[in-house]
Amino acid sequence: MTVLRPIPRLTRIPTWEAGTTRRDRMADTVPASVRLATDALLVTIFLLPQFGINVAGASLPFSLPAYLVLTGTLAIGRLIAVNALAMIAYGGIAAVGLASLTLNGGPSTASLALLLVLYAPFCLAMNDGRSAAFRGFARDRFILACVLVSLVGVVQFVLQFLPGARGFLDIRTFIPAGLRLEGKYNTFAFTGGLLRSNGFFLLEPSSLSLYAGLGLVEEMVGRKRPWMIASLLTGMFVALSGSGLLVVGIALLAFAIRRGPVAVLVSMAALALLPIVGRWVGLSFLVDRLAEIGSPRSSGYARFVAPLALVDEGWSAAPWSAALGNGPGAILRVIQSRISAFEIFDPTWAKILLEYGAIGTACFCAFLVATIGRTWAPAATRTAIVYAWAAAGGLLVQANFVALMPLLVTWWRFDGPASLPRRHD
């Protein structure tokens, strides 16, 4: 395994001989073991997220071992190299975590260990010309998985109107207790008497909306197939969640910024008109979900407003709290001990600030710049996935989501070959 050198500014895309099919090119460039490991990871993320490995009081999703297997497969095949800058930032995160853990005493060692395991693969990146083919394969498989759960979500949404069908629309009723992932998830939720579809398999309706939104962003910057776009939009609709709409809106602005001021103005106008158009076509419930940020006890308020007060209180807990935080895993304990008039989610930005303090937050920012800021993945995808990771809620150590970040973004930085893919901004 070699250390990455600076990325050459080359833009030529790899080419193959005329007459070869896409399957032939894929077979020549992406090893079968890597394709199999990628498919296995996506199956655990999209079809098995409700299943867990319950050992010694811990409950881990199947996506965690699948994620590590894929990383190991790439390493054994010598397809990845070490990103030195990312390793330095990663070391800073580990040092701050250990210092905060030692000073605070009570927080969870397991939380820090899980974080370090999940983000270690971010310190690696593809190091040869096969990266272009692998990224294309991973993108297509990811979009296909998003479309699959979107279509299942549509069926789930329609079936709720059949008499007696609702009892069969919650996957948790079919999973043995010993195999069920533990945790508090809003899996079977309703809005205005309507079942919010979670794609049957996913943890929450917001997960369906989020994945459909990310899949839509990838499709729009890629192949732009109408039936795929329609399927993903429908999946966002039946989830009755604003998470995917926010992801798409953030990605649209990122795309527009790369195109100049006129595109930015057009995008901002489109976003401003969204509530009006939404109510006009009968989607007022989705518009209300986007507008709920000012309403206490709403998910928007819990994600973006309530955590500010929580962080402010947490930084005053001890002399070192502002600098080094309250310790890994402390946010749930702090939330449970706080007497509040509103519920509080644990979005990544608040969790990092509270648990790792200002110094730890600076290390995380450096880590993001080293791993995400300098890849050739589309700018819209990078922006959308960082926003989702930071603000969607509870994703800092959620393997189902974190494993997607290298697959779609962080692994696509490499050195050496004469033929490099261009960045699709």
Protein backbone atom coordinates (compact mmCIF):
# COMPACT_ATOMS: atom_id res chain seq x y z
CA MET A 1 0.00 0.00 0.00
CA THR A 2 1.60 3.26 -1.10
CA VAL A 3 1.15 6.82 0.07
CA LEU A 4 -0.75 9.18 -2.18
CA ARG A 5 1.17 11.86 -4.06
CA PRO A 6 -0.44 15.18 -5.07
CA ILE A 7 -3.21 14.79 -7.63
CA PRO A 8 -2.08 15.75 -11.14
CA ARG A 9 -4.42 18.15 -12.91
CA LEU A 10 -5.28 15.89 -15.82
CA THR A 11 -8.70 15.64 -17.39
CA ARG A 12 -8.50 12.84 -19.95
CA ILE A 13 -11.04 10.05 -19.43
CA PRO A 14 -9.96 6.41 -19.86
CA THR A 15 -10.99 4.94 -23.20
CA TRP A 16 -11.42 1.39 -24.46
CA GLU A 17 -11.28 -0.24 -27.85
CA ALA A 18 -14.27 0.23 -30.13
CA GLY A 19 -16.77 -2.62 -30.06
CA THR A 20 -16.30 -3.56 -26.41
CA THR A 21 -19.43 -3.62 -24.29
CA ARG A 22 -19.87 -1.92 -20.93
CA ARG A 23 -19.87 -5.35 -19.25
CA ASP A 24 -16.59 -6.25 -20.96
CA ARG A 25 -14.98 -3.00 -19.80
CA MET A 26 -16.24 -3.54 -16.27
CA ALA A 27 -14.93 -7.11 -16.17
CA ASP A 28 -11.53 -5.92 -17.35
CA THR A 29 -11.20 -3.10 -14.85
CA VAL A 30 -13.19 -3.96 -11.70
CA PRO A 31 -12.31 -7.32 -10.11
CA ALA A 32 -15.23 -9.68 -9.51
CA SER A 33 -14.39 -9.79 -5.78
CA VAL A 34 -14.76 -6.00 -5.55
CA ARG A 35 -18.06 -6.03 -7.42
CA LEU A 36 -19.38 -8.79 -5.16
CA ALA A 37 -18.26 -6.99 -1.98
CA THR A 38 -19.86 -3.74 -3.21
CA ASP A 39 -23.16 -5.48 -3.93
CA ALA A 40 -23.07 -7.15 -0.50
CA LEU A 41 -22.53 -3.79 1.21
CA LEU A 42 -25.45 -2.19 -0.63
CA VAL A 43 -27.71 -5.14 0.24
CA THR A 44 -26.94 -4.69 3.94
CA ILE A 45 -27.57 -0.93 3.73
CA PHE A 46 -30.80 -0.98 1.73
CA LEU A 47 -32.39 -4.36 2.47
CA LEU A 48 -31.03 -5.40 5.89
CA PRO A 49 -30.73 -2.18 7.94
CA GLN A 50 -33.32 -3.43 10.45
CA PHE A 51 -31.20 -6.52 11.20
CA GLY A 52 -28.44 -6.35 13.79
CA ILE A 53 -25.60 -8.31 15.36
CA ASN A 54 -26.47 -8.30 19.08
CA VAL A 55 -23.48 -9.31 21.18
CA ALA A 56 -22.54 -8.40 24.77
CA GLY A 57 -25.11 -5.63 25.01
CA ALA A 58 -24.06 -4.02 21.72
CA SER A 59 -26.15 -3.94 18.55
CA LEU A 60 -24.29 -3.46 15.27
CA PRO A 61 -25.75 -3.39 11.75
CA PHE A 62 -24.65 -5.93 9.17
CA SER A 63 -23.38 -3.07 7.03
CA LEU A 64 -20.38 -2.63 9.37
CA PRO A 65 -18.68 -5.97 8.60
CA ALA A 66 -19.69 -5.63 4.94
CA TYR A 67 -18.03 -2.20 4.84
CA LEU A 68 -14.83 -3.56 6.34
CA VAL A 69 -14.86 -6.55 3.97
CA LEU A 70 -15.07 -4.23 0.95
CA THR A 71 -12.23 -2.10 2.32
CA GLY A 72 -10.14 -5.22 2.91
CA THR A 73 -10.90 -6.51 -0.58
CA LEU A 74 -9.65 -3.27 -2.09
CA ALA A 75 -6.53 -3.36 0.08
CA ILE A 76 -5.73 -6.99 -0.79
CA GLY A 77 -6.12 -6.15 -4.47
CA ARG A 78 -3.79 -3.17 -4.03
CA LEU A 79 -6.43 -0.84 -5.39
CA ILE A 80 -6.15 1.74 -2.62
CA ALA A 81 -3.38 3.89 -1.19
CA VAL A 82 -2.97 5.88 2.00
CA ASN A 83 -4.06 9.52 2.00
CA ALA A 84 -1.36 11.06 4.20
CA LEU A 85 -3.22 14.31 4.94
CA ALA A 86 -6.32 12.38 5.97
CA MET A 87 -4.22 10.20 8.26
CA ILE A 88 -2.86 13.27 10.06
CA ALA A 89 -6.37 14.68 10.63
CA TYR A 90 -7.59 11.21 11.67
CA GLY A 91 -4.79 11.04 14.22
CA GLY A 92 -5.89 14.42 15.58
CA ILE A 93 -9.46 13.16 16.02
CA ALA A 94 -8.22 10.06 17.83
CA ALA A 95 -5.97 12.12 20.13
CA VAL A 96 -8.76 14.56 21.03
CA GLY A 97 -11.17 11.67 21.59
CA LEU A 98 -8.78 9.90 23.94
CA ALA A 99 -8.01 13.12 25.83
CA SER A 100 -11.72 13.93 26.21
CA LEU A 101 -12.44 10.36 27.28
CA THR A 102 -9.73 10.52 29.94
CA LEU A 103 -10.79 13.91 31.30
CA ASN A 104 -14.50 13.17 31.44
CA GLY A 105 -14.30 9.59 32.64
CA GLY A 106 -17.95 8.68 32.15
CA PRO A 107 -18.45 8.71 28.35
CA SER A 108 -18.33 5.64 26.14
CA THR A 109 -15.10 4.02 25.02
CA ALA A 110 -17.18 1.96 22.59
CA SER A 111 -18.43 5.15 20.89
CA LEU A 112 -14.88 6.33 20.20
CA ALA A 113 -13.81 2.87 19.03
CA LEU A 114 -16.76 2.65 16.64
CA LEU A 115 -16.02 6.12 15.26
CA LEU A 116 -12.36 5.27 14.61
CA VAL A 117 -13.30 2.00 12.90
CA LEU A 118 -15.92 3.66 10.69
CA TYR A 119 -13.69 6.51 9.52
CA ALA A 120 -10.41 4.61 9.08
CA PRO A 121 -11.33 3.66 5.45
CA PHE A 122 -11.68 7.39 4.69
CA CYS A 123 -7.89 7.56 4.95
CA LEU A 124 -7.59 5.38 1.85
CA ALA A 125 -8.21 6.18 -1.81
CA MET A 126 -8.06 4.50 -5.20
CA ASN A 127 -4.59 4.59 -6.70
CA ASP A 128 -4.88 3.41 -10.30
CA GLY A 129 -6.91 3.87 -13.49
CA ARG A 130 -9.54 1.33 -12.46
CA SER A 131 -10.99 3.99 -10.16
CA ALA A 132 -13.11 5.45 -12.98
CA ALA A 133 -14.76 2.12 -13.73
CA PHE A 134 -15.26 1.26 -10.06
CA ARG A 135 -16.80 4.64 -9.30
CA GLY A 136 -19.17 4.21 -12.25
CA PHE A 137 -20.10 0.73 -11.06
CA ALA A 138 -20.66 1.89 -7.46
CA ARG A 139 -22.73 4.88 -8.62
CA ASP A 140 -24.97 2.75 -10.84
CA ARG A 141 -25.49 0.16 -8.14
CA PHE A 142 -26.28 2.86 -5.57
CA ILE A 143 -28.85 4.53 -7.83
CA LEU A 144 -30.41 1.15 -8.59
CA ALA A 145 -30.72 0.41 -4.87
CA CYS A 146 -32.31 3.83 -4.27
CA VAL A 147 -34.81 3.21 -7.06
CA LEU A 148 -35.61 -0.26 -5.68
CA VAL A 149 -36.50 0.98 -2.18
CA SER A 150 -38.37 3.93 -3.72
CA LEU A 151 -40.58 1.60 -5.75
CA VAL A 152 -41.10 -0.66 -2.75
CA GLY A 153 -42.02 2.46 -0.80
CA VAL A 154 -44.65 3.37 -3.39
CA VAL A 155 -46.19 -0.10 -3.09
CA GLN A 156 -46.10 0.18 0.70
CA PHE A 157 -47.81 3.59 0.55
CA VAL A 158 -50.59 2.32 -1.74
CA LEU A 159 -51.20 -0.87 0.26
CA GLN A 160 -52.02 1.11 3.40
CA PHE A 161 -55.42 1.91 1.88
CA LEU A 162 -56.39 -1.77 1.67
CA PRO A 163 -58.43 -3.00 4.66
CA GLY A 164 -56.28 -4.89 7.16
CA ALA A 165 -53.07 -4.34 5.19
CA ARG A 166 -51.29 -1.99 7.59
CA GLY A 167 -50.38 -4.82 9.94
CA PHE A 168 -48.17 -6.34 7.23
CA LEU A 169 -46.36 -3.13 6.25
CA ASP A 170 -43.97 -2.99 9.22
CA ILE A 171 -40.93 -5.21 8.63
CA ARG A 172 -40.16 -5.34 12.35
CA THR A 173 -43.05 -7.74 12.89
CA PHE A 174 -41.23 -10.33 10.74
CA ILE A 175 -37.76 -10.04 12.34
CA PRO A 176 -36.90 -12.28 15.33
CA ALA A 177 -36.00 -10.27 18.42
CA GLY A 178 -32.47 -11.68 18.47
CA LEU A 179 -31.75 -10.41 14.95
CA ARG A 180 -33.43 -7.03 15.26
CA LEU A 181 -31.20 -3.94 15.37
CA GLU A 182 -31.73 -2.25 18.72
CA GLY A 183 -32.42 1.45 18.95
CA LYS A 184 -35.21 3.99 18.89
CA TYR A 185 -36.28 4.45 15.28
CA ASN A 186 -39.37 6.10 13.85
CA THR A 187 -39.96 3.16 11.51
CA PHE A 188 -43.76 3.02 11.36
CA ALA A 189 -44.84 6.66 11.36
CA PHE A 190 -47.92 8.60 10.28
CA THR A 191 -48.61 12.17 9.18
CA GLY A 192 -52.20 13.37 8.94
CA GLY A 193 -53.45 9.79 9.08
CA LEU A 194 -51.18 8.73 6.20
CA LEU A 195 -48.45 6.15 6.61
CA ARG A 196 -45.05 7.68 5.86
CA SER A 197 -43.35 5.07 3.72
CA ASN A 198 -39.92 3.85 4.78
CA GLY A 199 -39.45 1.64 1.74
CA PHE A 200 -40.42 -1.28 4.01
CA PHE A 201 -36.77 -2.18 4.65
CA LEU A 202 -35.27 1.10 5.89
CA LEU A 203 -35.05 2.35 9.45
CA GLU A 204 -37.20 5.46 8.99
CA PRO A 205 -39.22 7.36 6.36
CA SER A 206 -36.54 10.06 6.48
CA SER A 207 -34.03 7.40 5.38
CA LEU A 208 -36.08 6.72 2.23
CA SER A 209 -36.35 10.43 1.51
CA LEU A 210 -32.62 10.93 2.13
CA TYR A 211 -31.49 8.03 -0.07
CA ALA A 212 -33.94 8.97 -2.83
CA GLY A 213 -32.60 12.52 -2.72
CA LEU A 214 -28.96 11.39 -2.92
CA GLY A 215 -29.84 8.95 -5.71
CA LEU A 216 -31.58 11.76 -7.59
CA VAL A 217 -28.51 13.98 -7.28
CA GLU A 218 -26.26 11.21 -8.63
CA GLU A 219 -28.66 10.52 -11.50
CA MET A 220 -28.98 14.19 -12.42
CA VAL A 221 -25.21 14.73 -12.62
CA GLY A 222 -24.85 11.44 -14.47
CA ARG A 223 -27.09 9.67 -16.96
CA LYS A 224 -30.35 11.63 -16.39
CA ARG A 225 -32.69 8.72 -17.21
CA PRO A 226 -36.30 9.94 -16.99
CA TRP A 227 -37.78 6.78 -15.45
CA MET A 228 -35.08 6.70 -12.78
CA ILE A 229 -35.69 10.35 -11.94
CA ALA A 230 -39.46 9.78 -11.77
CA SER A 231 -39.01 6.76 -9.48
CA LEU A 232 -36.74 8.65 -7.10
CA LEU A 233 -39.05 11.68 -6.98
CA THR A 234 -41.98 9.39 -6.18
CA GLY A 235 -39.98 7.75 -3.40
CA MET A 236 -39.31 11.17 -1.86
CA PHE A 237 -43.03 11.96 -2.13
CA VAL A 238 -44.35 8.84 -0.36
CA ALA A 239 -41.85 9.23 2.49
CA LEU A 240 -43.62 12.48 3.46
CA SER A 241 -40.28 13.82 4.68
CA GLY A 242 -38.37 16.96 3.81
CA SER A 243 -34.90 15.37 4.19
CA GLY A 244 -34.55 14.47 0.52
CA LEU A 245 -35.87 17.83 -0.65
CA LEU A 246 -33.25 19.63 1.43
CA VAL A 247 -30.49 17.39 0.05
CA VAL A 248 -31.57 18.09 -3.53
CA GLY A 249 -31.87 21.82 -2.82
CA ILE A 250 -28.38 22.01 -1.32
CA ALA A 251 -26.95 20.04 -4.25
CA LEU A 252 -28.73 22.33 -6.73
CA LEU A 253 -27.09 25.39 -5.16
CA ALA A 254 -23.67 23.70 -5.20
CA PHE A 255 -24.12 22.84 -8.87
CA ALA A 256 -25.24 26.38 -9.65
CA ILE A 257 -22.29 27.99 -7.88
CA ARG A 258 -19.95 26.13 -10.25
CA ARG A 259 -21.92 27.51 -13.21
CA GLY A 260 -21.83 31.20 -12.29
CA PRO A 261 -24.03 33.94 -10.80
CA VAL A 262 -26.90 33.55 -13.26
CA ALA A 263 -27.30 29.88 -12.42
CA VAL A 264 -27.19 30.73 -8.70
CA LEU A 265 -29.99 33.29 -9.10
CA VAL A 266 -32.10 30.83 -11.09
CA SER A 267 -31.57 28.13 -8.47
CA MET A 268 -32.43 30.47 -5.61
CA ALA A 269 -35.57 31.57 -7.42
CA ALA A 270 -36.57 27.94 -7.98
CA LEU A 271 -36.06 27.14 -4.31
CA ALA A 272 -38.04 30.22 -3.27
CA LEU A 273 -40.93 29.17 -5.51
CA LEU A 274 -40.91 25.60 -4.21
CA PRO A 275 -43.37 26.22 -1.33
CA ILE A 276 -45.80 28.02 -3.64
CA VAL A 277 -45.66 25.34 -6.31
CA GLY A 278 -45.86 22.62 -3.66
CA ARG A 279 -49.10 23.95 -2.24
CA TRP A 280 -50.50 24.54 -5.74
CA VAL A 281 -50.03 20.89 -6.75
CA GLY A 282 -51.36 19.57 -3.43
CA LEU A 283 -48.10 18.86 -1.64
CA SER A 284 -48.76 21.18 1.28
CA PHE A 285 -47.79 18.50 3.83
CA LEU A 286 -44.27 18.34 2.36
CA VAL A 287 -44.01 22.12 2.38
CA ASP A 288 -45.11 22.13 6.01
CA ARG A 289 -42.36 19.61 6.79
CA LEU A 290 -39.80 22.03 5.35
CA ALA A 291 -41.28 24.96 7.28
CA GLU A 292 -41.38 23.22 10.66
CA ILE A 293 -37.93 24.46 11.72
CA GLY A 294 -39.60 27.20 13.77
CA SER A 295 -42.03 24.88 15.54
CA PRO A 296 -40.93 23.31 18.85
CA ARG A 297 -41.34 19.52 19.06
CA SER A 298 -40.89 19.21 15.30
CA SER A 299 -38.04 17.28 13.68
CA GLY A 300 -36.73 20.40 11.94
CA TYR A 301 -36.59 22.29 15.23
CA ALA A 302 -34.95 19.33 16.93
CA ARG A 303 -32.26 19.15 14.23
CA PHE A 304 -31.34 22.79 13.74
CA VAL A 305 -32.48 24.88 16.74
CA ALA A 306 -32.65 22.80 19.92
CA PRO A 307 -29.07 21.43 19.66
CA LEU A 308 -27.66 24.98 19.89
CA ALA A 309 -28.84 25.32 23.48
CA LEU A 310 -27.59 21.81 24.22
CA VAL A 311 -24.08 22.59 22.96
CA ASP A 312 -24.04 25.89 24.85
CA GLU A 313 -24.86 24.10 28.10
CA GLY A 314 -22.42 21.28 27.39
CA TRP A 315 -19.50 23.63 26.82
CA SER A 316 -20.08 25.11 30.28
CA ALA A 317 -20.03 21.75 32.06
CA ALA A 318 -16.28 21.72 32.86
CA PRO A 319 -13.22 23.95 32.30
CA TRP A 320 -12.08 21.81 29.38
CA SER A 321 -15.50 21.20 27.81
CA ALA A 322 -15.34 24.02 25.25
CA ALA A 323 -11.94 22.88 24.00
CA LEU A 324 -12.17 19.08 24.29
CA GLY A 325 -15.88 18.42 24.75
CA ASN A 326 -17.82 16.19 27.10
CA GLY A 327 -16.41 12.93 25.78
CA PRO A 328 -17.36 10.43 23.03
CA GLY A 329 -20.93 9.17 23.33
CA ALA A 330 -21.93 11.88 25.81
CA ILE A 331 -24.73 13.49 23.81
CA LEU A 332 -27.42 10.90 24.58
CA ARG A 333 -26.62 11.07 28.30
CA VAL A 334 -26.80 14.87 28.21
CA ILE A 335 -30.09 14.82 26.29
CA GLN A 336 -31.66 12.35 28.70
CA SER A 337 -30.58 14.37 31.74
CA ARG A 338 -31.79 17.69 30.36
CA ILE A 339 -35.25 18.91 31.29
CA SER A 340 -36.48 20.45 28.07
CA ALA A 341 -39.70 21.67 26.51
CA PHE A 342 -38.73 20.09 23.20
CA GLU A 343 -37.16 16.96 21.81
CA ILE A 344 -33.56 17.05 20.62
CA PHE A 345 -32.03 14.98 17.86
CA ASP A 346 -28.30 14.39 17.71
CA PRO A 347 -27.21 15.82 14.35
CA THR A 348 -23.57 15.26 13.56
CA TRP A 349 -22.59 18.92 13.88
CA ALA A 350 -24.00 19.13 17.42
CA LYS A 351 -22.62 15.73 18.44
CA ILE A 352 -19.10 16.68 17.37
CA LEU A 353 -19.23 20.08 19.07
CA LEU A 354 -20.61 18.66 22.31
CA GLU A 355 -18.48 15.52 22.53
CA TYR A 356 -15.17 16.66 20.98
CA GLY A 357 -15.21 20.42 21.59
CA ALA A 358 -13.70 23.17 19.44
CA ILE A 359 -10.36 21.40 18.90
CA GLY A 360 -12.03 18.15 17.91
CA THR A 361 -14.38 20.02 15.56
CA ALA A 362 -11.36 21.64 13.88
CA CYS A 363 -9.83 18.18 13.39
CA PHE A 364 -13.07 16.89 11.85
CA CYS A 365 -13.17 19.87 9.48
CA ALA A 366 -9.59 19.18 8.41
CA PHE A 367 -10.50 15.53 7.93
CA LEU A 368 -13.41 16.47 5.65
CA VAL A 369 -11.19 18.77 3.59
CA ALA A 370 -8.54 16.06 3.21
CA THR A 371 -11.02 13.31 2.29
CA ILE A 372 -13.94 15.01 0.56
CA GLY A 373 -12.66 18.41 -0.52
CA ARG A 374 -10.09 17.02 -2.97
CA THR A 375 -11.87 14.22 -4.79
CA TRP A 376 -13.07 14.15 -8.39
CA ALA A 377 -16.59 13.13 -7.35
CA PRO A 378 -19.21 15.65 -8.58
CA ALA A 379 -19.43 18.81 -6.48
CA ALA A 380 -23.20 18.36 -6.14
CA THR A 381 -22.73 14.86 -4.71
CA ARG A 382 -20.01 15.97 -2.31
CA THR A 383 -22.08 18.89 -1.03
CA ALA A 384 -25.26 16.83 -0.69
CA ILE A 385 -23.61 13.99 1.20
CA VAL A 386 -21.75 16.34 3.57
CA TYR A 387 -24.99 18.19 4.32
CA ALA A 388 -26.84 14.93 4.95
CA TRP A 389 -24.04 13.64 7.17
CA ALA A 390 -23.85 16.87 9.17
CA ALA A 391 -27.52 17.77 9.57
CA ALA A 392 -29.84 14.82 8.89
CA GLY A 393 -29.51 13.51 12.45
CA GLY A 394 -27.71 10.65 14.18
CA LEU A 395 -25.36 9.77 11.31
CA LEU A 396 -21.92 10.32 12.84
CA VAL A 397 -21.53 6.68 13.86
CA GLN A 398 -24.31 5.09 11.78
CA ALA A 399 -22.58 2.51 9.62
CA ASN A 400 -25.45 2.34 7.11
CA PHE A 401 -24.77 5.91 6.01
CA VAL A 402 -21.07 6.37 6.78
CA ALA A 403 -20.20 3.39 4.55
CA LEU A 404 -21.74 5.20 1.57
CA MET A 405 -19.43 8.19 1.89
CA PRO A 406 -16.22 6.44 0.73
CA LEU A 407 -18.17 4.53 -1.92
CA LEU A 408 -19.58 7.71 -3.46
CA VAL A 409 -16.98 10.35 -2.57
CA THR A 410 -13.85 9.88 -0.49
CA TRP A 411 -12.19 6.97 -2.29
CA TRP A 412 -12.01 8.78 -5.61
CA ARG A 413 -8.71 10.53 -5.17
CA PHE A 414 -5.63 8.84 -6.56
CA ASP A 415 -2.23 9.38 -8.14
CA GLY A 416 -0.09 7.94 -10.85
CA PRO A 417 -1.95 6.90 -14.01
CA ALA A 418 -1.83 8.96 -17.17
CA SER A 419 -5.58 8.69 -17.67
CA LEU A 420 -7.64 10.31 -14.94
CA PRO A 421 -11.37 10.98 -14.93
CA ARG A 422 -12.38 14.61 -14.98
CA ARG A 423 -14.40 16.11 -12.17
CA HIS A 424 -18.06 16.38 -13.16
CA ASP A 425 -19.09 19.68 -11.57
